Protein backbone atom coordinates (compact mmCIF):
# COMPACT_ATOMS: atom_id res chain seq x y z
CA MET A 1 17.73 5.32 -1.02
CA ALA A 2 20.78 3.20 -0.13
CA LYS A 3 23.83 3.43 -2.34
CA ALA A 4 24.64 0.38 -4.44
CA LYS A 5 27.65 -0.46 -2.27
CA ASP A 6 25.35 -0.69 0.78
CA GLU A 7 23.00 -3.15 -0.92
CA THR A 8 24.58 -6.34 0.38
CA ARG A 9 21.36 -8.29 0.82
CA VAL A 10 18.54 -9.41 -1.41
CA SER A 11 14.83 -9.52 -0.70
CA ILE A 12 13.35 -12.88 -1.73
CA LYS A 13 9.76 -14.05 -2.08
CA VAL A 14 9.15 -17.81 -2.05
CA PHE A 15 5.79 -19.42 -2.81
CA LEU A 16 4.54 -22.95 -3.44
CA TYR A 17 3.14 -23.93 -6.84
CA GLY A 18 -0.19 -25.70 -7.11
CA ILE A 19 -1.71 -24.41 -3.89
CA GLN A 20 -4.47 -21.83 -3.55
CA PRO A 21 -4.81 -19.69 -1.53
CA GLN A 22 -1.10 -19.10 -1.88
CA ILE A 23 1.44 -20.10 0.78
CA TRP A 24 4.37 -17.68 0.68
CA ARG A 25 7.26 -16.15 2.59
CA ARG A 26 9.35 -13.02 2.05
CA PHE A 27 12.76 -12.68 3.69
CA SER A 28 16.06 -10.92 3.17
CA ILE A 29 19.42 -12.66 3.18
CA GLY A 30 23.04 -11.65 2.62
CA MET A 31 24.24 -11.95 -0.96
CA GLU A 32 27.50 -13.52 0.24
CA VAL A 33 25.72 -16.77 1.21
CA THR A 34 25.85 -19.91 -0.91
CA PHE A 35 22.85 -21.61 -2.45
CA LEU A 36 23.16 -24.27 0.26
CA ALA A 37 22.57 -21.53 2.86
CA LEU A 38 19.67 -20.23 0.75
CA SER A 39 18.13 -23.73 0.78
CA ASP A 40 18.51 -23.83 4.57
CA ALA A 41 16.83 -20.41 4.85
CA ILE A 42 13.92 -21.53 2.64
CA GLN A 43 13.50 -24.65 4.78
CA ALA A 44 13.43 -22.54 7.96
CA ALA A 45 11.01 -20.00 6.48
CA MET A 46 8.64 -22.74 5.31
CA GLY A 47 8.90 -24.67 8.58
CA TRP A 48 10.23 -27.90 7.11
CA ASP A 49 12.90 -30.21 8.54
CA ASN A 50 15.19 -30.29 5.50
CA LYS A 51 15.25 -34.08 5.34
CA HIS A 52 14.81 -34.58 1.58
CA PRO A 53 16.88 -33.79 -1.53
CA HIS A 54 16.50 -30.46 -3.28
CA GLU A 55 17.73 -28.50 -6.28
CA PHE A 56 17.44 -25.05 -7.81
CA ARG A 57 16.52 -24.82 -11.51
CA HIS A 58 16.97 -21.87 -13.83
CA GLY A 59 17.37 -21.17 -17.53
CA LYS A 60 15.90 -19.32 -20.47
CA GLY A 61 12.14 -19.07 -20.85
CA LYS A 62 10.34 -22.22 -19.77
CA ARG A 63 13.40 -24.45 -20.30
CA LEU A 64 14.79 -24.64 -16.78
CA VAL A 65 17.54 -27.15 -17.50
CA ASP A 66 20.39 -25.53 -15.54
CA VAL A 67 20.73 -26.86 -11.98
CA ILE A 68 22.33 -25.56 -8.81
CA GLY A 69 22.40 -28.34 -6.26
CA PRO A 70 24.29 -30.88 -4.20
CA VAL A 71 27.18 -32.70 -5.80
CA GLY A 72 25.81 -35.97 -7.14
CA LEU A 73 23.07 -34.42 -9.26
CA GLU A 74 25.43 -33.31 -12.03
CA ASP A 75 24.99 -36.53 -14.01
CA GLN A 76 21.19 -36.04 -13.90
CA THR A 77 21.33 -32.53 -15.33
CA VAL A 78 20.60 -31.78 -18.98
CA GLY A 79 22.02 -28.24 -18.80
CA GLU A 80 24.80 -26.65 -16.78
CA PHE A 81 25.37 -27.89 -13.20
CA GLN A 82 26.74 -25.70 -10.41
CA ASP A 83 27.69 -26.85 -6.90
CA GLU A 84 25.44 -25.19 -4.32
CA THR A 85 28.25 -25.13 -1.74
CA ALA A 86 30.47 -23.02 -4.00
CA LEU A 87 28.06 -20.62 -5.78
CA THR A 88 27.03 -17.48 -3.88
CA LEU A 89 23.95 -15.37 -4.52
CA ALA A 90 26.23 -12.44 -5.43
CA GLU A 91 27.95 -14.55 -8.10
CA PHE A 92 24.65 -15.83 -9.49
CA LEU A 93 22.90 -12.46 -9.52
CA GLY A 94 25.93 -10.40 -10.53
CA ARG A 95 24.79 -7.14 -12.07
CA LYS A 96 21.58 -8.63 -13.50
CA LYS A 97 18.47 -6.52 -13.25
CA LEU A 98 16.03 -7.79 -10.64
CA PRO A 99 13.50 -9.36 -10.29
CA ILE A 100 14.87 -12.76 -11.30
CA ARG A 101 12.83 -15.96 -10.93
CA ILE A 102 14.08 -19.50 -10.42
CA LEU A 103 12.54 -22.76 -9.16
CA TYR A 104 13.36 -24.70 -6.00
CA ARG A 105 12.39 -28.39 -5.99
CA TYR A 106 12.19 -30.09 -2.62
CA ASP A 107 11.47 -33.75 -1.86
CA PHE A 108 11.64 -35.31 -5.32
CA ALA A 109 8.99 -37.90 -4.35
CA ASP A 110 6.37 -35.40 -3.13
CA GLU A 111 7.63 -32.84 -5.67
CA TRP A 112 7.16 -29.60 -3.77
CA ILE A 113 7.88 -26.86 -6.33
CA HIS A 114 8.61 -23.36 -5.09
CA GLU A 115 9.08 -20.24 -7.15
CA ILE A 116 11.82 -18.00 -5.83
CA VAL A 117 11.77 -14.35 -6.82
CA PHE A 118 14.92 -12.36 -6.15
CA GLU A 119 12.98 -9.10 -5.82
CA LYS A 120 15.47 -6.36 -5.07
CA ARG A 121 18.84 -5.59 -3.53
CA VAL A 122 18.57 -4.08 -0.06
CA ALA A 123 20.88 -2.68 2.60
CA GLY A 124 21.59 -4.56 5.79
CA SER A 125 23.67 -7.21 7.43
CA GLY A 126 23.32 -10.19 9.72
CA PRO A 127 21.43 -13.46 9.44
CA PRO A 128 18.35 -13.99 7.27
CA GLU A 129 15.36 -11.95 8.37
CA LEU A 130 11.73 -12.91 7.77
CA LEU A 131 9.77 -9.92 6.49
CA GLU A 132 6.30 -11.41 6.02
CA GLY A 133 4.36 -14.45 4.88
CA ALA A 134 0.99 -16.14 4.75
CA ARG A 135 -0.51 -19.49 5.67
CA ALA A 136 1.05 -22.60 7.17
CA CYS A 137 3.36 -24.68 5.04
CA PRO A 138 2.02 -28.15 4.23
CA PRO A 139 3.13 -30.90 6.60
CA GLU A 140 6.33 -32.55 5.42
CA ASP A 141 5.80 -35.93 3.70
CA PHE A 142 2.18 -35.06 2.85
CA SER A 143 2.45 -36.42 -0.73
CA GLY A 144 2.64 -33.13 -2.61
CA ALA A 145 0.39 -30.28 -3.68
CA PHE A 146 -2.41 -32.46 -5.10
CA ALA A 147 -2.86 -34.41 -1.84
CA TYR A 148 -2.63 -31.18 0.16
CA MET A 149 -5.36 -29.52 -1.93
CA ARG A 150 -7.59 -32.61 -1.57
CA ALA A 151 -7.24 -32.41 2.23
CA LEU A 152 -7.79 -28.65 2.17
CA HIS A 153 -11.10 -29.17 0.35
CA GLY A 154 -12.20 -32.01 2.65
CA ASP A 155 -11.67 -34.80 0.10
CA ALA A 156 -8.95 -36.46 2.24
CA GLU A 157 -8.07 -36.53 5.93
CA TRP A 158 -5.21 -34.55 7.39
CA MET A 159 -2.44 -36.88 8.47
CA ASN A 160 -1.36 -34.39 11.13
CA PRO A 161 -3.93 -33.89 13.90
CA GLY A 162 -4.18 -30.25 14.93
CA TYR A 163 -2.74 -28.91 11.67
CA ASP A 164 -4.27 -25.54 10.80
CA PRO A 165 -3.61 -24.48 7.19
CA GLU A 166 -4.21 -20.82 8.03
CA ALA A 167 -1.85 -20.66 11.03
CA PHE A 168 1.44 -18.91 10.37
CA ASP A 169 3.42 -17.15 13.06
CA PRO A 170 6.30 -15.12 11.60
CA LYS A 171 7.87 -14.87 15.06
CA ALA A 172 8.20 -18.68 15.19
CA VAL A 173 10.55 -18.76 12.17
CA ASP A 174 14.07 -19.53 13.37
CA PHE A 175 16.93 -19.10 10.92
CA THR A 176 19.50 -20.38 13.43
CA PRO A 177 21.60 -23.00 11.64
CA LYS A 178 20.67 -26.52 12.64
CA LYS A 179 23.22 -29.21 13.33
CA PRO A 180 24.98 -30.35 10.15
CA ARG A 181 23.03 -33.00 8.30
CA PRO A 182 24.25 -35.67 5.96
CA ARG A 183 24.10 -34.68 2.29
CA ARG A 184 22.40 -37.00 -0.18
């Protein structure tokens, strides 16, 4: 087993709420990265284009009122707000016992809700690394989990010809940083 000082990464499982069978990804990432970099890694792992607003929510019990997100959301937060460009995973996790669960909201109109589980500290270095996953992520701008489930059960048409909900190729996930994008 690696010594604590060697455990500079964290293994994370991300899955989408409201969709069965479950769509999920597991990857490891350095604990020195900010929550902005974590958002970028989640976007890459899920196969989305990162073109909508997002936030991370955490708190006690079912009251997830504390937000980690882009500057500009602080006035919309009931609880504590933290800037995602300044807070690192190491600072957030500290010496807390894992697993720790938080939520990731993406595209506030479609309301894609992900559960993030910081599973365990692991040894390693380098860029994010996909470990495993299952099923294709819903097409971006598909109107949320309810519309996706309707299409999955044949009650609505897929807006994306050729989309296969079962197709997921872990080798196709590219964590290479994209060109900088404007922040909302």
